[in-house]
Amino acid sequence: METKTITIRVNAKVARAFEAASEEQQQHYSVSNLVMRLDAKDLWKK
């Protein structure tokens, strides 16, 4: 399977959640999976 690298901007809460994950967990996270794990009202607050 071909893989591609993408760059996305995320807020600090998403970044901390990803950085706190183990390397193995990071490899299995998808953007939607990370977003679903966080509280949407905090995530999208302006």
C-alpha atoms as a PDB file:
ATOM      1  CA  MET A   1       0.000   0.000   0.000  1.00  0.00           C
ATOM      2  CA  GLU A   2       1.313   3.429  -0.903  1.00  0.00           C
ATOM      3  CA  THR A   3       1.613   5.925   1.929  1.00  0.00           C
ATOM      4  CA  LYS A   4       1.634   9.695   1.758  1.00  0.00           C
ATOM      5  CA  THR A   5       2.641  12.320   4.267  1.00  0.00           C
ATOM      6  CA  ILE A   6       0.262  15.142   5.078  1.00  0.00           C
ATOM      7  CA  THR A   7       0.707  18.168   7.289  1.00  0.00           C
ATOM      8  CA  ILE A   8      -2.194  19.477   9.322  1.00  0.00           C
ATOM      9  CA  ARG A   9      -2.523  22.269  11.848  1.00  0.00           C
ATOM     10  CA  VAL A  10      -4.061  21.312  15.161  1.00  0.00           C
ATOM     11  CA  ASN A  11      -4.629  23.172  18.377  1.00  0.00           C
ATOM     12  CA  ALA A  12      -2.509  22.596  21.462  1.00  0.00           C
ATOM     13  CA  LYS A  13      -4.963  20.120  23.035  1.00  0.00           C
ATOM     14  CA  VAL A  14      -4.804  17.799  20.034  1.00  0.00           C
ATOM     15  CA  ALA A  15      -1.037  18.152  19.839  1.00  0.00           C
ATOM     16  CA  ARG A  16      -0.612  17.247  23.532  1.00  0.00           C
ATOM     17  CA  ALA A  17      -2.859  14.197  23.174  1.00  0.00           C
ATOM     18  CA  PHE A  18      -0.840  12.969  20.214  1.00  0.00           C
ATOM     19  CA  GLU A  19       2.525  13.650  21.876  1.00  0.00           C
ATOM     20  CA  ALA A  20       1.394  11.799  25.014  1.00  0.00           C
ATOM     21  CA  ALA A  21       0.614   8.676  22.988  1.00  0.00           C
ATOM     22  CA  SER A  22       3.214   5.968  22.572  1.00  0.00           C
ATOM     23  CA  GLU A  23       4.926   5.598  19.206  1.00  0.00           C
ATOM     24  CA  GLU A  24       2.812   2.518  18.477  1.00  0.00           C
ATOM     25  CA  GLN A  25      -0.395   4.382  19.331  1.00  0.00           C
ATOM     26  CA  GLN A  26       0.658   7.327  17.160  1.00  0.00           C
ATOM     27  CA  GLN A  27       1.073   5.008  14.188  1.00  0.00           C
ATOM     28  CA  HIS A  28      -2.527   3.829  14.579  1.00  0.00           C
ATOM     29  CA  TYR A  29      -4.150   7.192  15.209  1.00  0.00           C
ATOM     30  CA  SER A  30      -6.068   8.834  12.451  1.00  0.00           C
ATOM     31  CA  VAL A  31      -7.110  12.459  12.544  1.00  0.00           C
ATOM     32  CA  SER A  32     -10.749  11.500  13.064  1.00  0.00           C
ATOM     33  CA  ASN A  33      -9.796   9.113  15.851  1.00  0.00           C
ATOM     34  CA  LEU A  34      -7.912  11.868  17.683  1.00  0.00           C
ATOM     35  CA  VAL A  35     -10.762  14.318  17.241  1.00  0.00           C
ATOM     36  CA  MET A  36     -13.372  11.839  18.492  1.00  0.00           C
ATOM     37  CA  ARG A  37     -11.335  11.281  21.660  1.00  0.00           C
ATOM     38  CA  LEU A  38     -11.397  14.956  22.589  1.00  0.00           C
ATOM     39  CA  ASP A  39     -14.210  17.135  23.827  1.00  0.00           C
ATOM     40  CA  ALA A  40     -15.497  18.896  20.720  1.00  0.00           C
ATOM     41  CA  LYS A  41     -16.645  22.004  22.581  1.00  0.00           C
ATOM     42  CA  ASP A  42     -13.108  22.607  23.856  1.00  0.00           C
ATOM     43  CA  LEU A  43     -11.485  21.558  20.609  1.00  0.00           C
ATOM     44  CA  TRP A  44     -13.357  23.963  18.369  1.00  0.00           C
ATOM     45  CA  LYS A  45     -13.738  26.877  20.803  1.00  0.00           C
ATOM     46  CA  LYS A  46     -12.482  30.142  19.300  1.00  0.00           C
END
